[in-house]
Amino acid sequence: MDTAVTTVEFDRGLAKSYLPNRVVKQAVLVPTPEGVQTTIEASWGEDQSFVGPWYAIYVDGKVTYGSGKPEFEETHGATDEVQNGYFKQTPIEAYRYEGPAARVVTTLSSGVVETENTVESGDWLVRWPHGEVGVMKDVKFRKLYQV
């Protein structure tokens, strides 16, 4: 990532609360021992890192991204609609970013830097219940959350 790009922090003063749409996904707990770090390449091309157990999120039989165990379990409910089915059930804080391209660092509640992304004007800056901040394109945000 270009080090000349400014890093942007989440501005809670601009954020509103958004409820998730019910989107069922498949997820499997990966029982990595505590203290052991795992890094995967997410479907969007960025590395994600986790320390200890984490959930692998599957789409069409392939791991597309992951989620730290505490973050996943506190934000998802189980369903028997599909094998290993889960759906997001907690609201998030978010706002549409307006400004020059900037770096966003996502840090898990464990303190591990999960990933770094670039936010562009019109993207959504989102903050999940554990405090992780991420970036979503408008189309994806509208698919996953009630706008």
Protein backbone atom coordinates (compact mmCIF):
# COMPACT_ATOMS: atom_id res chain seq x y z
CA MET A 1 0.00 0.00 0.00
CA ASP A 2 1.27 3.48 -0.85
CA THR A 3 2.74 5.04 2.29
CA ALA A 4 2.00 8.54 0.94
CA VAL A 5 -1.75 7.88 1.33
CA THR A 6 -3.29 9.45 4.43
CA THR A 7 -4.82 7.16 7.05
CA VAL A 8 -8.40 8.05 7.96
CA GLU A 9 -10.05 7.39 11.32
CA PHE A 10 -13.74 6.55 11.75
CA ASP A 11 -15.78 9.67 12.62
CA ARG A 12 -18.61 8.58 14.95
CA GLY A 13 -20.13 12.06 14.63
CA LEU A 14 -20.98 11.31 10.99
CA ALA A 15 -22.24 7.75 11.58
CA LYS A 16 -25.74 6.33 11.82
CA SER A 17 -26.84 2.86 12.91
CA TYR A 18 -27.80 0.36 10.18
CA LEU A 19 -29.48 -3.00 10.65
CA PRO A 20 -28.26 -5.94 8.57
CA ASN A 21 -30.38 -7.55 5.89
CA ARG A 22 -30.82 -11.26 6.55
CA VAL A 23 -28.10 -12.80 4.38
CA VAL A 24 -27.32 -16.42 5.24
CA LYS A 25 -23.69 -17.45 4.90
CA GLN A 26 -21.74 -20.59 5.65
CA ALA A 27 -19.00 -20.38 8.27
CA VAL A 28 -16.78 -22.95 9.96
CA LEU A 29 -14.76 -22.43 13.12
CA VAL A 30 -11.02 -22.93 12.54
CA PRO A 31 -9.71 -24.05 15.97
CA THR A 32 -6.28 -22.42 15.75
CA PRO A 33 -4.56 -22.52 19.17
CA GLU A 34 -4.55 -19.30 21.22
CA GLY A 35 -1.50 -17.18 20.43
CA VAL A 36 -0.99 -18.66 16.95
CA GLN A 37 -1.45 -16.25 14.04
CA THR A 38 -3.12 -17.21 10.77
CA THR A 39 -3.04 -15.03 7.65
CA ILE A 40 -5.30 -15.65 4.64
CA GLU A 41 -5.86 -13.78 1.40
CA ALA A 42 -9.43 -12.50 1.34
CA SER A 43 -11.48 -12.52 -1.85
CA TRP A 44 -10.86 -8.79 -2.30
CA GLY A 45 -7.10 -9.41 -2.57
CA GLU A 46 -6.00 -8.15 0.85
CA ASP A 47 -4.44 -10.24 3.62
CA GLN A 48 -6.46 -10.88 6.79
CA SER A 49 -4.75 -11.97 10.00
CA PHE A 50 -6.18 -13.62 13.10
CA VAL A 51 -4.65 -14.81 16.37
CA GLY A 52 -6.24 -17.92 17.84
CA PRO A 53 -9.56 -19.40 16.66
CA TRP A 54 -11.33 -17.76 13.73
CA TYR A 55 -14.25 -18.45 11.39
CA ALA A 56 -13.71 -19.22 7.70
CA ILE A 57 -16.56 -17.74 5.64
CA TYR A 58 -17.47 -19.81 2.57
CA VAL A 59 -19.08 -18.79 -0.72
CA ASP A 60 -19.62 -21.50 -3.35
CA GLY A 61 -17.49 -23.95 -1.36
CA LYS A 62 -14.43 -21.67 -1.11
CA VAL A 63 -13.13 -19.59 1.80
CA THR A 64 -13.64 -15.98 0.75
CA TYR A 65 -12.70 -14.24 4.01
CA GLY A 66 -12.51 -14.79 7.74
CA SER A 67 -13.67 -13.32 11.00
CA GLY A 68 -12.13 -13.39 14.46
CA LYS A 69 -14.02 -15.79 16.76
CA PRO A 70 -15.20 -13.24 19.36
CA GLU A 71 -16.27 -10.74 16.69
CA PHE A 72 -18.15 -13.40 14.70
CA GLU A 73 -19.93 -15.04 17.63
CA GLU A 74 -21.15 -11.74 19.07
CA THR A 75 -22.56 -10.50 15.76
CA HIS A 76 -24.04 -13.64 14.16
CA GLY A 77 -26.87 -16.03 14.84
CA ALA A 78 -27.02 -19.65 13.70
CA THR A 79 -29.62 -21.00 11.27
CA ASP A 80 -30.34 -24.47 9.94
CA GLU A 81 -31.36 -23.08 6.53
CA VAL A 82 -28.00 -24.32 5.19
CA GLN A 83 -25.27 -26.48 6.69
CA ASN A 84 -23.06 -24.33 8.98
CA GLY A 85 -25.44 -21.42 8.34
CA TYR A 86 -25.14 -18.06 10.05
CA PHE A 87 -26.58 -14.59 9.58
CA LYS A 88 -25.47 -11.21 10.87
CA GLN A 89 -27.86 -9.96 13.54
CA THR A 90 -26.31 -6.85 15.08
CA PRO A 91 -26.39 -3.32 13.69
CA ILE A 92 -23.29 -1.43 12.65
CA GLU A 93 -22.37 2.23 12.58
CA ALA A 94 -21.57 3.63 9.14
CA TYR A 95 -21.39 6.68 6.90
CA ARG A 96 -20.48 7.44 3.31
CA TYR A 97 -16.97 8.76 3.06
CA GLU A 98 -16.39 11.97 1.10
CA GLY A 99 -12.81 12.99 0.43
CA PRO A 100 -9.55 11.90 -1.17
CA ALA A 101 -8.53 8.24 -1.21
CA ALA A 102 -7.21 7.22 2.21
CA ARG A 103 -5.97 4.13 4.04
CA VAL A 104 -8.18 2.40 6.63
CA VAL A 105 -6.53 -0.02 9.08
CA THR A 106 -8.82 -2.69 10.56
CA THR A 107 -7.69 -3.85 14.00
CA LEU A 108 -9.42 -6.75 15.78
CA SER A 109 -10.38 -6.58 19.45
CA SER A 110 -7.28 -8.69 20.15
CA GLY A 111 -5.10 -5.85 18.84
CA VAL A 112 -4.10 -7.74 15.68
CA VAL A 113 -4.16 -5.72 12.46
CA GLU A 114 -6.58 -7.74 10.36
CA THR A 115 -6.25 -5.85 7.10
CA GLU A 116 -5.59 -2.50 5.44
CA ASN A 117 -7.84 -1.12 2.71
CA THR A 118 -8.27 2.08 0.75
CA VAL A 119 -11.47 4.11 1.09
CA GLU A 120 -12.54 6.29 -1.82
CA SER A 121 -15.17 9.01 -2.00
CA GLY A 122 -18.64 7.37 -2.00
CA ASP A 123 -17.52 4.20 -0.18
CA TRP A 124 -18.94 3.41 3.25
CA LEU A 125 -16.80 3.52 6.36
CA VAL A 126 -18.25 0.96 8.76
CA ARG A 127 -17.62 0.22 12.43
CA TRP A 128 -18.64 -3.17 13.82
CA PRO A 129 -19.65 -3.71 17.48
CA HIS A 130 -16.13 -4.71 18.56
CA GLY A 131 -14.73 -1.48 17.14
CA GLU A 132 -13.17 -2.83 13.94
CA VAL A 133 -13.41 -0.30 11.13
CA GLY A 134 -13.64 -1.33 7.49
CA VAL A 135 -14.55 -0.18 4.01
CA MET A 136 -17.45 -1.27 1.78
CA LYS A 137 -18.37 -0.25 -1.71
CA ASP A 138 -21.86 1.27 -1.93
CA VAL A 139 -23.37 -1.68 -3.86
CA LYS A 140 -22.17 -4.21 -1.28
CA PHE A 141 -23.27 -2.06 1.67
CA ARG A 142 -26.79 -1.71 0.26
CA LYS A 143 -26.95 -5.48 -0.31
CA LEU A 144 -25.97 -6.27 3.28
CA TYR A 145 -27.58 -3.43 5.29
CA GLN A 146 -30.94 -1.64 5.42
CA VAL A 147 -30.32 1.85 4.03
